[in-house]
C-alpha atoms as a PDB file:
ATOM      1  CA  MET A   1       6.427  45.226  64.897  1.00  0.00           C
ATOM      2  CA  LYS A   2       3.247  44.018  66.547  1.00  0.00           C
ATOM      3  CA  VAL A   3       2.900  43.089  70.203  1.00  0.00           C
ATOM      4  CA  LEU A   4      -0.028  41.375  71.879  1.00  0.00           C
ATOM      5  CA  ILE A   5      -0.499  41.881  75.618  1.00  0.00           C
ATOM      6  CA  ILE A   6      -2.626  39.302  77.446  1.00  0.00           C
ATOM      7  CA  ASP A   7      -3.057  40.216  81.110  1.00  0.00           C
ATOM      8  CA  ASP A   8      -6.176  40.196  83.279  1.00  0.00           C
ATOM      9  CA  ASN A   9      -5.157  43.410  85.080  1.00  0.00           C
ATOM     10  CA  PRO A  10      -6.367  46.537  83.201  1.00  0.00           C
ATOM     11  CA  ALA A  11      -3.740  48.714  84.928  1.00  0.00           C
ATOM     12  CA  VAL A  12      -0.948  46.407  83.742  1.00  0.00           C
ATOM     13  CA  ARG A  13      -2.328  46.441  80.186  1.00  0.00           C
ATOM     14  CA  SER A  14      -2.531  50.265  80.180  1.00  0.00           C
ATOM     15  CA  THR A  15       0.947  50.653  81.655  1.00  0.00           C
ATOM     16  CA  LEU A  16       2.509  48.220  79.187  1.00  0.00           C
ATOM     17  CA  ASN A  17       0.698  49.958  76.342  1.00  0.00           C
ATOM     18  CA  LEU A  18       2.182  53.321  77.383  1.00  0.00           C
ATOM     19  CA  ILE A  19       5.692  51.948  77.897  1.00  0.00           C
ATOM     20  CA  LEU A  20       5.766  50.092  74.578  1.00  0.00           C
ATOM     21  CA  ALA A  21       4.025  52.702  72.408  1.00  0.00           C
ATOM     22  CA  ASP A  22       7.302  54.292  71.255  1.00  0.00           C
ATOM     23  CA  GLU A  23       9.004  50.941  70.642  1.00  0.00           C
ATOM     24  CA  PHE A  24       6.439  49.002  68.628  1.00  0.00           C
ATOM     25  CA  ASP A  25       4.201  49.872  65.670  1.00  0.00           C
ATOM     26  CA  ASP A  26       1.063  48.123  66.838  1.00  0.00           C
ATOM     27  CA  ILE A  27       0.002  47.031  70.317  1.00  0.00           C
ATOM     28  CA  THR A  28      -3.119  45.037  71.071  1.00  0.00           C
ATOM     29  CA  ALA A  29      -4.127  44.298  74.665  1.00  0.00           C
ATOM     30  CA  SER A  30      -6.756  42.029  76.146  1.00  0.00           C
ATOM     31  CA  GLY A  31      -7.620  40.554  79.515  1.00  0.00           C
ATOM     32  CA  ASP A  32      -9.173  37.436  78.011  1.00  0.00           C
ATOM     33  CA  PRO A  33      -6.737  34.755  76.804  1.00  0.00           C
ATOM     34  CA  ARG A  34      -9.523  32.938  74.944  1.00  0.00           C
ATOM     35  CA  ILE A  35      -9.200  35.410  72.073  1.00  0.00           C
ATOM     36  CA  ILE A  36      -5.525  34.527  71.495  1.00  0.00           C
ATOM     37  CA  PRO A  37      -6.214  32.050  68.636  1.00  0.00           C
ATOM     38  CA  ALA A  38      -8.274  34.638  66.748  1.00  0.00           C
ATOM     39  CA  LEU A  39      -5.614  37.326  67.212  1.00  0.00           C
ATOM     40  CA  LEU A  40      -2.852  35.008  66.000  1.00  0.00           C
ATOM     41  CA  ARG A  41      -4.784  33.796  62.953  1.00  0.00           C
ATOM     42  CA  ASN A  42      -3.179  36.310  60.556  1.00  0.00           C
ATOM     43  CA  GLY A  43       0.343  35.368  61.674  1.00  0.00           C
ATOM     44  CA  ASP A  44       1.402  39.008  61.992  1.00  0.00           C
ATOM     45  CA  ILE A  45       2.055  39.187  65.752  1.00  0.00           C
ATOM     46  CA  ASP A  46       5.770  39.402  66.555  1.00  0.00           C
ATOM     47  CA  CYS A  47       5.549  38.945  70.316  1.00  0.00           C
ATOM     48  CA  VAL A  48       3.017  38.035  72.993  1.00  0.00           C
ATOM     49  CA  ILE A  49       3.396  39.288  76.546  1.00  0.00           C
ATOM     50  CA  LEU A  50       1.497  36.614  78.427  1.00  0.00           C
ATOM     51  CA  ASP A  51       0.379  36.790  82.042  1.00  0.00           C
ATOM     52  CA  MET A  52       0.629  33.471  83.849  1.00  0.00           C
ATOM     53  CA  ASN A  53      -2.466  33.820  86.040  1.00  0.00           C
ATOM     54  CA  PHE A  54      -5.985  34.865  85.054  1.00  0.00           C
ATOM     55  CA  ASN A  55      -7.970  33.566  88.012  1.00  0.00           C
ATOM     56  CA  PRO A  56      -7.309  35.172  91.437  1.00  0.00           C
ATOM     57  CA  ASN A  57      -8.119  31.850  93.104  1.00  0.00           C
ATOM     58  CA  ARG A  58      -5.500  29.983  91.075  1.00  0.00           C
ATOM     59  CA  LEU A  59      -1.996  31.448  91.142  1.00  0.00           C
ATOM     60  CA  ASP A  60       0.089  28.436  90.105  1.00  0.00           C
ATOM     61  CA  GLY A  61       0.720  29.619  86.523  1.00  0.00           C
ATOM     62  CA  SER A  62      -1.089  26.660  84.944  1.00  0.00           C
ATOM     63  CA  GLU A  63      -3.399  28.918  82.907  1.00  0.00           C
ATOM     64  CA  GLY A  64      -0.442  30.774  81.448  1.00  0.00           C
ATOM     65  CA  LEU A  65       1.328  27.514  80.643  1.00  0.00           C
ATOM     66  CA  PHE A  66      -1.823  26.252  78.918  1.00  0.00           C
ATOM     67  CA  TRP A  67      -2.028  29.365  76.723  1.00  0.00           C
ATOM     68  CA  LEU A  68       1.717  29.345  76.088  1.00  0.00           C
ATOM     69  CA  GLU A  69       1.383  25.851  74.636  1.00  0.00           C
ATOM     70  CA  ARG A  70      -1.545  26.951  72.430  1.00  0.00           C
ATOM     71  CA  ILE A  71       0.453  29.937  71.144  1.00  0.00           C
ATOM     72  CA  LYS A  72       3.511  27.831  70.350  1.00  0.00           C
ATOM     73  CA  GLU A  73       1.356  25.283  68.488  1.00  0.00           C
ATOM     74  CA  SER A  74       0.151  27.959  66.065  1.00  0.00           C
ATOM     75  CA  PRO A  75       1.746  28.280  62.625  1.00  0.00           C
ATOM     76  CA  ASN A  76       4.523  30.891  62.636  1.00  0.00           C
ATOM     77  CA  ALA A  77       4.243  31.148  66.406  1.00  0.00           C
ATOM     78  CA  PRO A  78       5.346  34.542  67.730  1.00  0.00           C
ATOM     79  CA  ALA A  79       7.867  35.104  70.489  1.00  0.00           C
ATOM     80  CA  VAL A  80       6.363  34.805  73.959  1.00  0.00           C
ATOM     81  CA  VAL A  81       7.531  36.623  77.062  1.00  0.00           C
ATOM     82  CA  VAL A  82       5.638  35.428  80.122  1.00  0.00           C
ATOM     83  CA  ILE A  83       4.961  37.865  82.947  1.00  0.00           C
ATOM     84  CA  THR A  84       3.690  37.309  86.468  1.00  0.00           C
ATOM     85  CA  ALA A  85       3.626  38.814  89.931  1.00  0.00           C
ATOM     86  CA  PHE A  86       4.138  35.382  91.445  1.00  0.00           C
ATOM     87  CA  GLY A  87       7.403  34.493  89.757  1.00  0.00           C
ATOM     88  CA  GLU A  88       9.054  31.283  90.764  1.00  0.00           C
ATOM     89  CA  ILE A  89      12.133  29.719  89.225  1.00  0.00           C
ATOM     90  CA  GLY A  90      10.265  26.446  88.608  1.00  0.00           C
ATOM     91  CA  LEU A  91       7.514  28.251  86.697  1.00  0.00           C
ATOM     92  CA  ALA A  92      10.072  30.151  84.624  1.00  0.00           C
ATOM     93  CA  VAL A  93      11.888  26.918  83.761  1.00  0.00           C
ATOM     94  CA  GLU A  94       8.617  25.218  82.795  1.00  0.00           C
ATOM     95  CA  ALA A  95       7.635  28.188  80.605  1.00  0.00           C
ATOM     96  CA  MET A  96      11.021  28.112  78.851  1.00  0.00           C
ATOM     97  CA  LYS A  97      10.680  24.359  78.242  1.00  0.00           C
ATOM     98  CA  LEU A  98       7.323  25.041  76.563  1.00  0.00           C
ATOM     99  CA  GLY A  99       8.865  27.632  74.258  1.00  0.00           C
ATOM    100  CA  ALA A 100       8.750  30.987  76.031  1.00  0.00           C
ATOM    101  CA  GLU A 101      11.645  33.172  74.956  1.00  0.00           C
ATOM    102  CA  ASP A 102      11.868  34.969  78.307  1.00  0.00           C
ATOM    103  CA  PHE A 103      10.278  35.502  81.713  1.00  0.00           C
ATOM    104  CA  VAL A 104       9.559  38.795  83.523  1.00  0.00           C
ATOM    105  CA  THR A 105       8.290  39.363  87.063  1.00  0.00           C
ATOM    106  CA  LYS A 106       6.027  42.204  88.150  1.00  0.00           C
ATOM    107  CA  PRO A 107       7.021  44.889  88.932  1.00  0.00           C
ATOM    108  CA  TRP A 108       9.443  45.121  86.019  1.00  0.00           C
ATOM    109  CA  ASP A 109      12.177  47.476  84.909  1.00  0.00           C
ATOM    110  CA  ASN A 110      10.935  49.250  81.741  1.00  0.00           C
ATOM    111  CA  ASP A 111      14.282  49.284  79.914  1.00  0.00           C
ATOM    112  CA  GLU A 112      14.955  45.656  80.789  1.00  0.00           C
ATOM    113  CA  LEU A 113      11.477  44.642  79.602  1.00  0.00           C
ATOM    114  CA  ILE A 114      11.914  46.430  76.268  1.00  0.00           C
ATOM    115  CA  GLU A 115      15.328  44.844  75.785  1.00  0.00           C
ATOM    116  CA  LYS A 116      13.933  41.384  76.590  1.00  0.00           C
ATOM    117  CA  LEU A 117      11.098  41.867  74.087  1.00  0.00           C
ATOM    118  CA  HIS A 118      13.460  42.884  71.281  1.00  0.00           C
ATOM    119  CA  LYS A 119      15.808  39.976  72.014  1.00  0.00           C
ATOM    120  CA  ALA A 120      12.883  37.555  72.197  1.00  0.00           C
ATOM    121  CA  ILE A 121      11.588  38.707  68.820  1.00  0.00           C
ATOM    122  CA  GLU A 122      15.044  38.357  67.240  1.00  0.00           C
ATOM    123  CA  ARG A 123      15.576  34.853  68.689  1.00  0.00           C
ATOM    124  CA  ASN A 124      12.117  33.819  67.517  1.00  0.00           C
ATOM    125  CA  LYS A 125      12.683  35.139  63.979  1.00  0.00           C
ATOM    126  CA  LYS A 126      16.050  33.400  63.780  1.00  0.00           C
ATOM    127  CA  ALA A 127      14.548  30.117  64.985  1.00  0.00           C
ATOM    128  CA  ARG A 128      11.682  30.382  62.466  1.00  0.00           C
ATOM    129  CA  ILE A 129      14.143  30.990  59.612  1.00  0.00           C
ATOM    130  CA  GLU A 130      16.258  28.013  60.696  1.00  0.00           C
ATOM    131  CA  ASN A 131      13.166  25.793  61.027  1.00  0.00           C
ATOM    132  CA  ALA A 132      11.936  26.856  57.593  1.00  0.00           C
ATOM    133  CA  ALA A 133      15.333  26.020  56.085  1.00  0.00           C
ATOM    134  CA  VAL A 134      15.349  22.585  57.729  1.00  0.00           C
ATOM    135  CA  ASN A 135      11.751  21.915  56.650  1.00  0.00           C
ATOM    136  CA  ASN A 136      12.562  22.945  53.072  1.00  0.00           C
ATOM    137  CA  ALA A 137      15.613  20.677  53.025  1.00  0.00           C
ATOM    138  CA  VAL A 138      13.571  17.743  54.338  1.00  0.00           C
ATOM    139  CA  ALA A 139      10.833  18.399  51.766  1.00  0.00           C
ATOM    140  CA  LEU A 140      13.381  18.578  48.933  1.00  0.00           C
ATOM    141  CA  GLN A 141      14.986  15.365  50.108  1.00  0.00           C
ATOM    142  CA  GLN A 142      11.584  13.657  50.240  1.00  0.00           C
ATOM    143  CA  ARG A 143      10.643  14.915  46.761  1.00  0.00           C
ATOM    144  CA  GLU A 144      13.959  13.656  45.385  1.00  0.00           C
ATOM    145  CA  HIS A 145      13.405  10.281  47.057  1.00  0.00           C
ATOM    146  CA  ASP A 146       9.881  10.107  45.640  1.00  0.00           C
ATOM    147  CA  ARG A 147      11.143  11.100  42.188  1.00  0.00           C
ATOM    148  CA  GLN A 148      13.733   8.322  42.248  1.00  0.00           C
ATOM    149  CA  GLN A 149      10.945   5.826  42.893  1.00  0.00           C
ATOM    150  CA  MET A 150       8.923   6.982  39.859  1.00  0.00           C
ATOM    151  CA  THR A 151       8.643   5.085  36.592  1.00  0.00           C
ATOM    152  CA  LEU A 152       9.726   6.756  33.361  1.00  0.00           C
ATOM    153  CA  ASP A 153       6.070   7.406  32.431  1.00  0.00           C
ATOM    154  CA  GLU A 154       5.447   9.000  35.846  1.00  0.00           C
ATOM    155  CA  VAL A 155       8.534  11.230  35.484  1.00  0.00           C
ATOM    156  CA  LYS A 156       7.341  12.277  32.022  1.00  0.00           C
ATOM    157  CA  MET A 157       3.850  13.090  33.317  1.00  0.00           C
ATOM    158  CA  GLN A 158       5.220  15.018  36.303  1.00  0.00           C
ATOM    159  CA  HIS A 159       7.389  17.071  33.954  1.00  0.00           C
ATOM    160  CA  ILE A 160       4.378  17.872  31.797  1.00  0.00           C
ATOM    161  CA  LYS A 161       2.362  18.944  34.861  1.00  0.00           C
ATOM    162  CA  ASP A 162       5.259  21.109  36.082  1.00  0.00           C
ATOM    163  CA  VAL A 163       5.508  22.858  32.705  1.00  0.00           C
ATOM    164  CA  ILE A 164       1.737  23.443  32.655  1.00  0.00           C
ATOM    165  CA  ALA A 165       1.959  24.947  36.145  1.00  0.00           C
ATOM    166  CA  GLN A 166       4.844  27.201  35.035  1.00  0.00           C
ATOM    167  CA  CYS A 167       2.635  28.380  32.190  1.00  0.00           C
ATOM    168  CA  ASP A 168      -0.223  29.140  34.613  1.00  0.00           C
ATOM    169  CA  GLY A 169      -2.397  26.459  33.021  1.00  0.00           C
ATOM    170  CA  ASN A 170      -2.025  27.806  29.471  1.00  0.00           C
ATOM    171  CA  LEU A 171      -1.922  24.554  27.491  1.00  0.00           C
ATOM    172  CA  SER A 172      -0.913  26.179  24.209  1.00  0.00           C
ATOM    173  CA  MET A 173       2.108  27.785  25.835  1.00  0.00           C
ATOM    174  CA  ALA A 174       2.930  24.522  27.679  1.00  0.00           C
ATOM    175  CA  ALA A 175       2.764  22.518  24.453  1.00  0.00           C
ATOM    176  CA  GLU A 176       5.118  25.007  22.803  1.00  0.00           C
ATOM    177  CA  ARG A 177       7.591  24.753  25.706  1.00  0.00           C
ATOM    178  CA  LEU A 178       7.413  20.964  25.569  1.00  0.00           C
ATOM    179  CA  ASN A 179       8.009  21.123  21.813  1.00  0.00           C
ATOM    180  CA  ILE A 180       4.861  19.123  21.034  1.00  0.00           C
ATOM    181  CA  ASN A 181       1.582  20.131  19.434  1.00  0.00           C
ATOM    182  CA  ARG A 182      -1.472  20.904  21.545  1.00  0.00           C
ATOM    183  CA  GLN A 183      -3.347  17.776  20.476  1.00  0.00           C
ATOM    184  CA  THR A 184      -0.453  15.576  21.611  1.00  0.00           C
ATOM    185  CA  LEU A 185      -0.488  17.373  24.959  1.00  0.00           C
ATOM    186  CA  TYR A 186      -4.263  16.778  25.284  1.00  0.00           C
ATOM    187  CA  ASN A 187      -3.768  13.097  24.471  1.00  0.00           C
ATOM    188  CA  LEU A 188      -1.019  12.749  27.069  1.00  0.00           C
ATOM    189  CA  LEU A 189      -3.174  14.430  29.706  1.00  0.00           C
ATOM    190  CA  LYS A 190      -6.115  12.112  28.915  1.00  0.00           C
ATOM    191  CA  LYS A 191      -3.883   9.078  29.551  1.00  0.00           C
ATOM    192  CA  SER A 192      -2.917  10.215  33.027  1.00  0.00           C
END
């Protein structure tokens, strides 16, 4: 499992790295939240530990909330556990509303933090699986609706295209599967 630590304090990053080294396969840490989109691009991060404040003159958590929203907008968004030294219930509630799986205040209990990270990752994976299932069901329903609106010629052409795709574009093989000769297949494709 891969964890991304985003915290402006180098001591916090080093400490978290040491604590989590035995629990997770890969840990990346940075003090600059602007690199988050690049680090999430591959979709292989399981969890982000996100500090809520990056500017010592602004300790209201708004920066963390901004980056939390960006993370949760990404495809296959990872679990997010927000962490801050200035923990307030209102900030925690706002972070949860924006999709954070959990909230930790500094200083933290190591065992509790590790447990929260594992639970956050599991909840996130479960939610992603459920969302994928719902999205697939909606897509299937839409395709079926679209298919019911097609004319007979459109259904025939769609079937031909599906068979060609199944044959990886091999028209000779597709013609054989369709039980027509290759020239007939070419003629049908020209009409479409």
